[in-house]
Amino acid sequence: SGQTTFSHDGFQQRVKVISQQIPYKSAAENIANNMGYSNPGEKAVEGWIGSPGHHKNMVGDYNLSGIGIAQNSEGTYYFNQIFIKTR
């Protein structure tokens, strides 16, 4: 159908790829998607801050973070933030 599931599935694989370049102790991930907002990035971060689990990742004991953003043809934005605590 050309559709993929938007979830944390594959997180361990993403971290495995990262670990080939960056030795790490721990990792976490925040994901979000939205559409129809004038500032979709701000909306995603507001959602993470308002969610206890996502906020815990944001203020956790991590010293590196990377963010990926994509938009599909219907205008939906997808956000992925990975947090890494290096060795």
PDB file of N, CA and C in Angstrom:
ATOM      1  N   SER A   1       0.819  -1.208   0.000  1.00  0.00           N
ATOM      2  CA  SER A   1       0.000   0.000   0.000  1.00  0.00           C
ATOM      3  C   SER A   1       0.853   1.258   0.000  1.00  0.00           C
ATOM      4  N   GLY A   2       2.165   1.114   0.188  1.00  0.00           N
ATOM      5  CA  GLY A   2       3.038   2.283   0.192  1.00  0.00           C
ATOM      6  C   GLY A   2       3.046   3.028   1.503  1.00  0.00           C
ATOM      7  N   GLN A   3       2.312   2.547   2.496  1.00  0.00           N
ATOM      8  CA  GLN A   3       2.265   3.218   3.786  1.00  0.00           C
ATOM      9  C   GLN A   3       3.171   2.498   4.776  1.00  0.00           C
ATOM     10  N   THR A   4       3.752   3.269   5.664  1.00  0.00           N
ATOM     11  CA  THR A   4       4.559   2.695   6.728  1.00  0.00           C
ATOM     12  C   THR A   4       3.970   3.096   8.067  1.00  0.00           C
ATOM     13  N   THR A   5       4.257   2.308   9.073  1.00  0.00           N
ATOM     14  CA  THR A   5       3.785   2.595  10.417  1.00  0.00           C
ATOM     15  C   THR A   5       4.690   3.640  11.054  1.00  0.00           C
ATOM     16  N   PHE A   6       4.079   4.589  11.728  1.00  0.00           N
ATOM     17  CA  PHE A   6       4.831   5.608  12.452  1.00  0.00           C
ATOM     18  C   PHE A   6       4.891   5.172  13.907  1.00  0.00           C
ATOM     19  N   SER A   7       6.036   4.674  14.317  1.00  0.00           N
ATOM     20  CA  SER A   7       6.169   4.158  15.676  1.00  0.00           C
ATOM     21  C   SER A   7       7.647   4.103  16.050  1.00  0.00           C
ATOM     22  N   HIS A   8       7.887   3.578  17.233  1.00  0.00           N
ATOM     23  CA  HIS A   8       9.266   3.395  17.686  1.00  0.00           C
ATOM     24  C   HIS A   8       9.880   2.113  17.129  1.00  0.00           C
ATOM     25  N   ASP A   9       9.135   1.369  16.325  1.00  0.00           N
ATOM     26  CA  ASP A   9       9.698   0.169  15.701  1.00  0.00           C
ATOM     27  C   ASP A   9      10.963   0.558  14.938  1.00  0.00           C
ATOM     28  N   GLY A  10      12.000  -0.216  15.107  1.00  0.00           N
ATOM     29  CA  GLY A  10      13.260   0.078  14.436  1.00  0.00           C
ATOM     30  C   GLY A  10      14.210   0.939  15.244  1.00  0.00           C
ATOM     31  N   PHE A  11      13.784   1.357  16.441  1.00  0.00           N
ATOM     32  CA  PHE A  11      14.650   2.204  17.271  1.00  0.00           C
ATOM     33  C   PHE A  11      15.990   1.527  17.542  1.00  0.00           C
ATOM     34  N   GLN A  12      15.965   0.256  17.911  1.00  0.00           N
ATOM     35  CA  GLN A  12      17.218  -0.441  18.202  1.00  0.00           C
ATOM     36  C   GLN A  12      18.130  -0.485  16.975  1.00  0.00           C
ATOM     37  N   GLN A  13      17.550  -0.624  15.800  1.00  0.00           N
ATOM     38  CA  GLN A  13      18.352  -0.618  14.570  1.00  0.00           C
ATOM     39  C   GLN A  13      18.967   0.764  14.333  1.00  0.00           C
ATOM     40  N   ARG A  14      18.196   1.816  14.591  1.00  0.00           N
ATOM     41  CA  ARG A  14      18.735   3.170  14.433  1.00  0.00           C
ATOM     42  C   ARG A  14      19.907   3.392  15.396  1.00  0.00           C
ATOM     43  N   VAL A  15      19.748   2.936  16.631  1.00  0.00           N
ATOM     44  CA  VAL A  15      20.817   3.093  17.620  1.00  0.00           C
ATOM     45  C   VAL A  15      22.029   2.246  17.236  1.00  0.00           C
ATOM     46  N   LYS A  16      21.792   1.077  16.675  1.00  0.00           N
ATOM     47  CA  LYS A  16      22.905   0.226  16.236  1.00  0.00           C
ATOM     48  C   LYS A  16      23.742   0.939  15.175  1.00  0.00           C
ATOM     49  N   VAL A  17      23.083   1.607  14.242  1.00  0.00           N
ATOM     50  CA  VAL A  17      23.796   2.365  13.204  1.00  0.00           C
ATOM     51  C   VAL A  17      24.602   3.499  13.845  1.00  0.00           C
ATOM     52  N   ILE A  18      23.981   4.212  14.772  1.00  0.00           N
ATOM     53  CA  ILE A  18      24.678   5.299  15.465  1.00  0.00           C
ATOM     54  C   ILE A  18      25.898   4.758  16.206  1.00  0.00           C
ATOM     55  N   SER A  19      25.741   3.597  16.839  1.00  0.00           N
ATOM     56  CA  SER A  19      26.825   3.040  17.663  1.00  0.00           C
ATOM     57  C   SER A  19      28.060   2.673  16.848  1.00  0.00           C
ATOM     58  N   GLN A  20      27.917   2.556  15.547  1.00  0.00           N
ATOM     59  CA  GLN A  20      29.078   2.284  14.704  1.00  0.00           C
ATOM     60  C   GLN A  20      30.028   3.481  14.651  1.00  0.00           C
ATOM     61  N   GLN A  21      29.510   4.661  14.960  1.00  0.00           N
ATOM     62  CA  GLN A  21      30.324   5.879  14.968  1.00  0.00           C
ATOM     63  C   GLN A  21      30.495   6.466  16.366  1.00  0.00           C
ATOM     64  N   ILE A  22      29.524   6.217  17.250  1.00  0.00           N
ATOM     65  CA  ILE A  22      29.520   6.840  18.571  1.00  0.00           C
ATOM     66  C   ILE A  22      29.274   5.765  19.633  1.00  0.00           C
ATOM     67  N   PRO A  23      30.296   5.391  20.410  1.00  0.00           N
ATOM     68  CA  PRO A  23      30.064   4.448  21.509  1.00  0.00           C
ATOM     69  C   PRO A  23      29.100   5.078  22.522  1.00  0.00           C
ATOM     70  N   TYR A  24      28.110   4.318  22.958  1.00  0.00           N
ATOM     71  CA  TYR A  24      27.103   4.906  23.837  1.00  0.00           C
ATOM     72  C   TYR A  24      26.786   3.999  25.015  1.00  0.00           C
ATOM     73  N   LYS A  25      26.278   4.622  26.089  1.00  0.00           N
ATOM     74  CA  LYS A  25      25.818   3.907  27.281  1.00  0.00           C
ATOM     75  C   LYS A  25      24.311   3.705  27.236  1.00  0.00           C
ATOM     76  N   SER A  26      23.601   4.738  26.804  1.00  0.00           N
ATOM     77  CA  SER A  26      22.142   4.667  26.779  1.00  0.00           C
ATOM     78  C   SER A  26      21.605   5.547  25.663  1.00  0.00           C
ATOM     79  N   ALA A  27      20.363   5.265  25.296  1.00  0.00           N
ATOM     80  CA  ALA A  27      19.720   6.012  24.212  1.00  0.00           C
ATOM     81  C   ALA A  27      18.220   6.068  24.457  1.00  0.00           C
ATOM     82  N   ALA A  28      17.593   7.095  23.915  1.00  0.00           N
ATOM     83  CA  ALA A  28      16.141   7.254  23.993  1.00  0.00           C
ATOM     84  C   ALA A  28      15.678   7.942  22.712  1.00  0.00           C
ATOM     85  N   GLU A  29      14.370   7.931  22.498  1.00  0.00           N
ATOM     86  CA  GLU A  29      13.825   8.485  21.259  1.00  0.00           C
ATOM     87  C   GLU A  29      12.479   9.146  21.526  1.00  0.00           C
ATOM     88  N   ASN A  30      12.275  10.305  20.934  1.00  0.00           N
ATOM     89  CA  ASN A  30      10.966  10.959  20.873  1.00  0.00           C
ATOM     90  C   ASN A  30      10.540  11.021  19.416  1.00  0.00           C
ATOM     91  N   ILE A  31       9.265  10.739  19.164  1.00  0.00           N
ATOM     92  CA  ILE A  31       8.712  10.889  17.819  1.00  0.00           C
ATOM     93  C   ILE A  31       7.422  11.691  17.911  1.00  0.00           C
ATOM     94  N   ALA A  32       7.083  12.355  16.827  1.00  0.00           N
ATOM     95  CA  ALA A  32       5.834  13.115  16.751  1.00  0.00           C
ATOM     96  C   ALA A  32       5.466  13.286  15.284  1.00  0.00           C
ATOM     97  N   ASN A  33       4.198  13.522  15.045  1.00  0.00           N
ATOM     98  CA  ASN A  33       3.759  13.921  13.702  1.00  0.00           C
ATOM     99  C   ASN A  33       2.587  14.874  13.840  1.00  0.00           C
ATOM    100  N   ASN A  34       2.473  15.787  12.884  1.00  0.00           N
ATOM    101  CA  ASN A  34       1.362  16.730  12.879  1.00  0.00           C
ATOM    102  C   ASN A  34       1.237  17.369  11.509  1.00  0.00           C
ATOM    103  N   MET A  35       0.141  18.062  11.324  1.00  0.00           N
ATOM    104  CA  MET A  35      -0.064  18.837  10.097  1.00  0.00           C
ATOM    105  C   MET A  35      -1.040  19.958  10.392  1.00  0.00           C
ATOM    106  N   GLY A  36      -0.993  20.995   9.572  1.00  0.00           N
ATOM    107  CA  GLY A  36      -1.939  22.090   9.690  1.00  0.00           C
ATOM    108  C   GLY A  36      -1.556  23.183  10.664  1.00  0.00           C
ATOM    109  N   TYR A  37      -0.347  23.180  11.146  1.00  0.00           N
ATOM    110  CA  TYR A  37       0.105  24.214  12.076  1.00  0.00           C
ATOM    111  C   TYR A  37       1.082  25.147  11.368  1.00  0.00           C
ATOM    112  N   SER A  38       1.064  26.429  11.764  1.00  0.00           N
ATOM    113  CA  SER A  38       1.986  27.380  11.141  1.00  0.00           C
ATOM    114  C   SER A  38       3.433  27.097  11.544  1.00  0.00           C
ATOM    115  N   ASN A  39       3.629  26.489  12.712  1.00  0.00           N
ATOM    116  CA  ASN A  39       4.971  26.135  13.167  1.00  0.00           C
ATOM    117  C   ASN A  39       4.945  24.688  13.677  1.00  0.00           C
ATOM    118  N   PRO A  40       5.019  23.723  12.767  1.00  0.00           N
ATOM    119  CA  PRO A  40       4.889  22.319  13.179  1.00  0.00           C
ATOM    120  C   PRO A  40       5.997  21.851  14.122  1.00  0.00           C
ATOM    121  N   GLY A  41       7.195  22.382  13.997  1.00  0.00           N
ATOM    122  CA  GLY A  41       8.278  22.001  14.904  1.00  0.00           C
ATOM    123  C   GLY A  41       7.988  22.424  16.332  1.00  0.00           C
ATOM    124  N   GLU A  42       7.517  23.652  16.484  1.00  0.00           N
ATOM    125  CA  GLU A  42       7.162  24.149  17.811  1.00  0.00           C
ATOM    126  C   GLU A  42       6.056  23.291  18.416  1.00  0.00           C
ATOM    127  N   LYS A  43       5.076  22.918  17.614  1.00  0.00           N
ATOM    128  CA  LYS A  43       3.964  22.092  18.088  1.00  0.00           C
ATOM    129  C   LYS A  43       4.469  20.729  18.554  1.00  0.00           C
ATOM    130  N   ALA A  44       5.405  20.142  17.820  1.00  0.00           N
ATOM    131  CA  ALA A  44       5.968  18.845  18.212  1.00  0.00           C
ATOM    132  C   ALA A  44       6.691  18.956  19.555  1.00  0.00           C
ATOM    133  N   VAL A  45       7.505  19.984  19.714  1.00  0.00           N
ATOM    134  CA  VAL A  45       8.252  20.159  20.961  1.00  0.00           C
ATOM    135  C   VAL A  45       7.302  20.432  22.123  1.00  0.00           C
ATOM    136  N   GLU A  46       6.271  21.238  21.901  1.00  0.00           N
ATOM    137  CA  GLU A  46       5.276  21.480  22.950  1.00  0.00           C
ATOM    138  C   GLU A  46       4.630  20.169  23.391  1.00  0.00           C
ATOM    139  N   GLY A  47       4.338  19.299  22.423  1.00  0.00           N
ATOM    140  CA  GLY A  47       3.756  18.000  22.746  1.00  0.00           C
ATOM    141  C   GLY A  47       4.702  17.149  23.576  1.00  0.00           C
ATOM    142  N   TRP A  48       5.979  17.156  23.216  1.00  0.00           N
ATOM    143  CA  TRP A  48       6.963  16.392  23.982  1.00  0.00           C
ATOM    144  C   TRP A  48       7.089  16.932  25.404  1.00  0.00           C
ATOM    145  N   ILE A  49       7.115  18.249  25.540  1.00  0.00           N
ATOM    146  CA  ILE A  49       7.234  18.851  26.871  1.00  0.00           C
ATOM    147  C   ILE A  49       6.026  18.485  27.727  1.00  0.00           C
ATOM    148  N   GLY A  50       4.850  18.423  27.118  1.00  0.00           N
ATOM    149  CA  GLY A  50       3.623  18.111  27.847  1.00  0.00           C
ATOM    150  C   GLY A  50       3.415  16.636  28.138  1.00  0.00           C
ATOM    151  N   SER A  51       4.272  15.783  27.626  1.00  0.00           N
ATOM    152  CA  SER A  51       4.170  14.337  27.838  1.00  0.00           C
ATOM    153  C   SER A  51       5.249  13.900  28.826  1.00  0.00           C
ATOM    154  N   PRO A  52       4.864  13.327  29.969  1.00  0.00           N
ATOM    155  CA  PRO A  52       5.875  12.956  30.966  1.00  0.00           C
ATOM    156  C   PRO A  52       7.004  12.075  30.418  1.00  0.00           C
ATOM    157  N   GLY A  53       6.691  11.082  29.618  1.00  0.00           N
ATOM    158  CA  GLY A  53       7.722  10.195  29.080  1.00  0.00           C
ATOM    159  C   GLY A  53       8.661  10.894  28.123  1.00  0.00           C
ATOM    160  N   HIS A  54       8.097  11.713  27.230  1.00  0.00           N
ATOM    161  CA  HIS A  54       8.931  12.444  26.275  1.00  0.00           C
ATOM    162  C   HIS A  54       9.772  13.512  26.983  1.00  0.00           C
ATOM    163  N   HIS A  55       9.145  14.200  27.933  1.00  0.00           N
ATOM    164  CA  HIS A  55       9.871  15.227  28.685  1.00  0.00           C
ATOM    165  C   HIS A  55      11.028  14.605  29.461  1.00  0.00           C
ATOM    166  N   LYS A  56      10.809  13.412  30.014  1.00  0.00           N
ATOM    167  CA  LYS A  56      11.877  12.706  30.733  1.00  0.00           C
ATOM    168  C   LYS A  56      13.083  12.495  29.822  1.00  0.00           C
ATOM    169  N   ASN A  57      12.830  12.123  28.566  1.00  0.00           N
ATOM    170  CA  ASN A  57      13.936  11.973  27.613  1.00  0.00           C
ATOM    171  C   ASN A  57      14.657  13.299  27.405  1.00  0.00           C
ATOM    172  N   MET A  58      13.889  14.378  27.282  1.00  0.00           N
ATOM    173  CA  MET A  58      14.475  15.685  26.977  1.00  0.00           C
ATOM    174  C   MET A  58      15.380  16.207  28.087  1.00  0.00           C
ATOM    175  N   VAL A  59      15.047  15.883  29.330  1.00  0.00           N
ATOM    176  CA  VAL A  59      15.841  16.386  30.455  1.00  0.00           C
ATOM    177  C   VAL A  59      16.718  15.288  31.057  1.00  0.00           C
ATOM    178  N   GLY A  60      16.764  14.138  30.402  1.00  0.00           N
ATOM    179  CA  GLY A  60      17.521  12.999  30.904  1.00  0.00           C
ATOM    180  C   GLY A  60      19.022  13.190  30.808  1.00  0.00           C
ATOM    181  N   ASP A  61      19.729  12.190  31.288  1.00  0.00           N
ATOM    182  CA  ASP A  61      21.192  12.227  31.338  1.00  0.00           C
ATOM    183  C   ASP A  61      21.776  11.812  29.985  1.00  0.00           C
ATOM    184  N   TYR A  62      21.601  12.676  28.996  1.00  0.00           N
ATOM    185  CA  TYR A  62      22.126  12.458  27.646  1.00  0.00           C
ATOM    186  C   TYR A  62      22.996  13.651  27.286  1.00  0.00           C
ATOM    187  N   ASN A  63      24.036  13.411  26.499  1.00  0.00           N
ATOM    188  CA  ASN A  63      24.900  14.528  26.124  1.00  0.00           C
ATOM    189  C   ASN A  63      24.954  14.772  24.616  1.00  0.00           C
ATOM    190  N   LEU A  64      24.219  13.978  23.836  1.00  0.00           N
ATOM    191  CA  LEU A  64      24.097  14.212  22.394  1.00  0.00           C
ATOM    192  C   LEU A  64      22.644  14.039  21.978  1.00  0.00           C
ATOM    193  N   SER A  65      22.248  14.777  20.959  1.00  0.00           N
ATOM    194  CA  SER A  65      20.901  14.635  20.420  1.00  0.00           C
ATOM    195  C   SER A  65      20.930  14.939  18.930  1.00  0.00           C
ATOM    196  N   GLY A  66      20.103  14.224  18.210  1.00  0.00           N
ATOM    197  CA  GLY A  66      19.942  14.483  16.783  1.00  0.00           C
ATOM    198  C   GLY A  66      18.462  14.505  16.451  1.00  0.00           C
ATOM    199  N   ILE A  67      18.081  15.346  15.505  1.00  0.00           N
ATOM    200  CA  ILE A  67      16.675  15.483  15.122  1.00  0.00           C
ATOM    201  C   ILE A  67      16.550  15.310  13.619  1.00  0.00           C
ATOM    202  N   GLY A  68      15.564  14.525  13.220  1.00  0.00           N
ATOM    203  CA  GLY A  68      15.230  14.365  11.810  1.00  0.00           C
ATOM    204  C   GLY A  68      13.796  14.799  11.574  1.00  0.00           C
ATOM    205  N   ILE A  69      13.553  15.465  10.455  1.00  0.00           N
ATOM    206  CA  ILE A  69      12.212  15.946  10.105  1.00  0.00           C
ATOM    207  C   ILE A  69      11.956  15.610   8.646  1.00  0.00           C
ATOM    208  N   ALA A  70      10.758  15.094   8.380  1.00  0.00           N
ATOM    209  CA  ALA A  70      10.349  14.808   7.002  1.00  0.00           C
ATOM    210  C   ALA A  70       8.907  15.260   6.835  1.00  0.00           C
ATOM    211  N   GLN A  71       8.528  15.540   5.600  1.00  0.00           N
ATOM    212  CA  GLN A  71       7.151  15.920   5.280  1.00  0.00           C
ATOM    213  C   GLN A  71       6.688  15.071   4.111  1.00  0.00           C
ATOM    214  N   ASN A  72       5.482  14.509   4.230  1.00  0.00           N
ATOM    215  CA  ASN A  72       4.959  13.712   3.119  1.00  0.00           C
ATOM    216  C   ASN A  72       4.176  14.586   2.147  1.00  0.00           C
ATOM    217  N   SER A  73       3.696  13.995   1.085  1.00  0.00           N
ATOM    218  CA  SER A  73       3.012  14.754   0.030  1.00  0.00           C
ATOM    219  C   SER A  73       1.679  15.329   0.492  1.00  0.00           C
ATOM    220  N   GLU A  74       1.111  14.796   1.578  1.00  0.00           N
ATOM    221  CA  GLU A  74      -0.143  15.347   2.108  1.00  0.00           C
ATOM    222  C   GLU A  74       0.092  16.496   3.086  1.00  0.00           C
ATOM    223  N   GLY A  75       1.349  16.771   3.412  1.00  0.00           N
ATOM    224  CA  GLY A  75       1.666  17.879   4.305  1.00  0.00           C
ATOM    225  C   GLY A  75       1.896  17.488   5.755  1.00  0.00           C
ATOM    226  N   THR A  76       1.864  16.203   6.053  1.00  0.00           N
ATOM    227  CA  THR A  76       2.135  15.758   7.417  1.00  0.00           C
ATOM    228  C   THR A  76       3.638  15.808   7.676  1.00  0.00           C
ATOM    229  N   TYR A  77       4.002  16.377   8.810  1.00  0.00           N
ATOM    230  CA  TYR A  77       5.394  16.421   9.245  1.00  0.00           C
ATOM    231  C   TYR A  77       5.653  15.276  10.216  1.00  0.00           C
ATOM    232  N   TYR A  78       6.829  14.688  10.114  1.00  0.00           N
ATOM    233  CA  TYR A  78       7.260  13.611  10.999  1.00  0.00           C
ATOM    234  C   TYR A  78       8.562  14.036  11.664  1.00  0.00           C
ATOM    235  N   PHE A  79       8.607  13.901  12.965  1.00  0.00           N
ATOM    236  CA  PHE A  79       9.761  14.325  13.756  1.00  0.00           C
ATOM    237  C   PHE A  79      10.320  13.132  14.521  1.00  0.00           C
ATOM    238  N   ASN A  80      11.628  13.046  14.564  1.00  0.00           N
ATOM    239  CA  ASN A  80      12.304  12.000  15.317  1.00  0.00           C
ATOM    240  C   ASN A  80      13.490  12.646  16.022  1.00  0.00           C
ATOM    241  N   GLN A  81      13.541  12.489  17.331  1.00  0.00           N
ATOM    242  CA  GLN A  81      14.678  12.991  18.096  1.00  0.00           C
ATOM    243  C   GLN A  81      15.282  11.820  18.859  1.00  0.00           C
ATOM    244  N   ILE A  82      16.580  11.622  18.685  1.00  0.00           N
ATOM    245  CA  ILE A  82      17.300  10.563  19.383  1.00  0.00           C
ATOM    246  C   ILE A  82      18.272  11.210  20.364  1.00  0.00           C
ATOM    247  N   PHE A  83      18.300  10.657  21.558  1.00  0.00           N
ATOM    248  CA  PHE A  83      19.171  11.121  22.634  1.00  0.00           C
ATOM    249  C   PHE A  83      20.200  10.038  22.916  1.00  0.00           C
ATOM    250  N   ILE A  84      21.456  10.436  23.093  1.00  0.00           N
ATOM    251  CA  ILE A  84      22.543   9.496  23.329  1.00  0.00           C
ATOM    252  C   ILE A  84      23.355   9.941  24.545  1.00  0.00           C
ATOM    253  N   LYS A  85      23.680   8.993  25.391  1.00  0.00           N
ATOM    254  CA  LYS A  85      24.663   9.202  26.463  1.00  0.00           C
ATOM    255  C   LYS A  85      25.901   8.430  26.040  1.00  0.00           C
ATOM    256  N   THR A  86      26.978   9.153  25.765  1.00  0.00           N
ATOM    257  CA  THR A  86      28.200   8.504  25.291  1.00  0.00           C
ATOM    258  C   THR A  86      28.932   7.818  26.440  1.00  0.00           C
ATOM    259  N   ARG A  87      29.810   6.890  26.055  1.00  0.00           N
ATOM    260  CA  ARG A  87      30.632   6.186  27.062  1.00  0.00           C
ATOM    261  C   ARG A  87      31.742   7.070  27.570  1.00  0.00           C
TER     262      ARG A  87
END
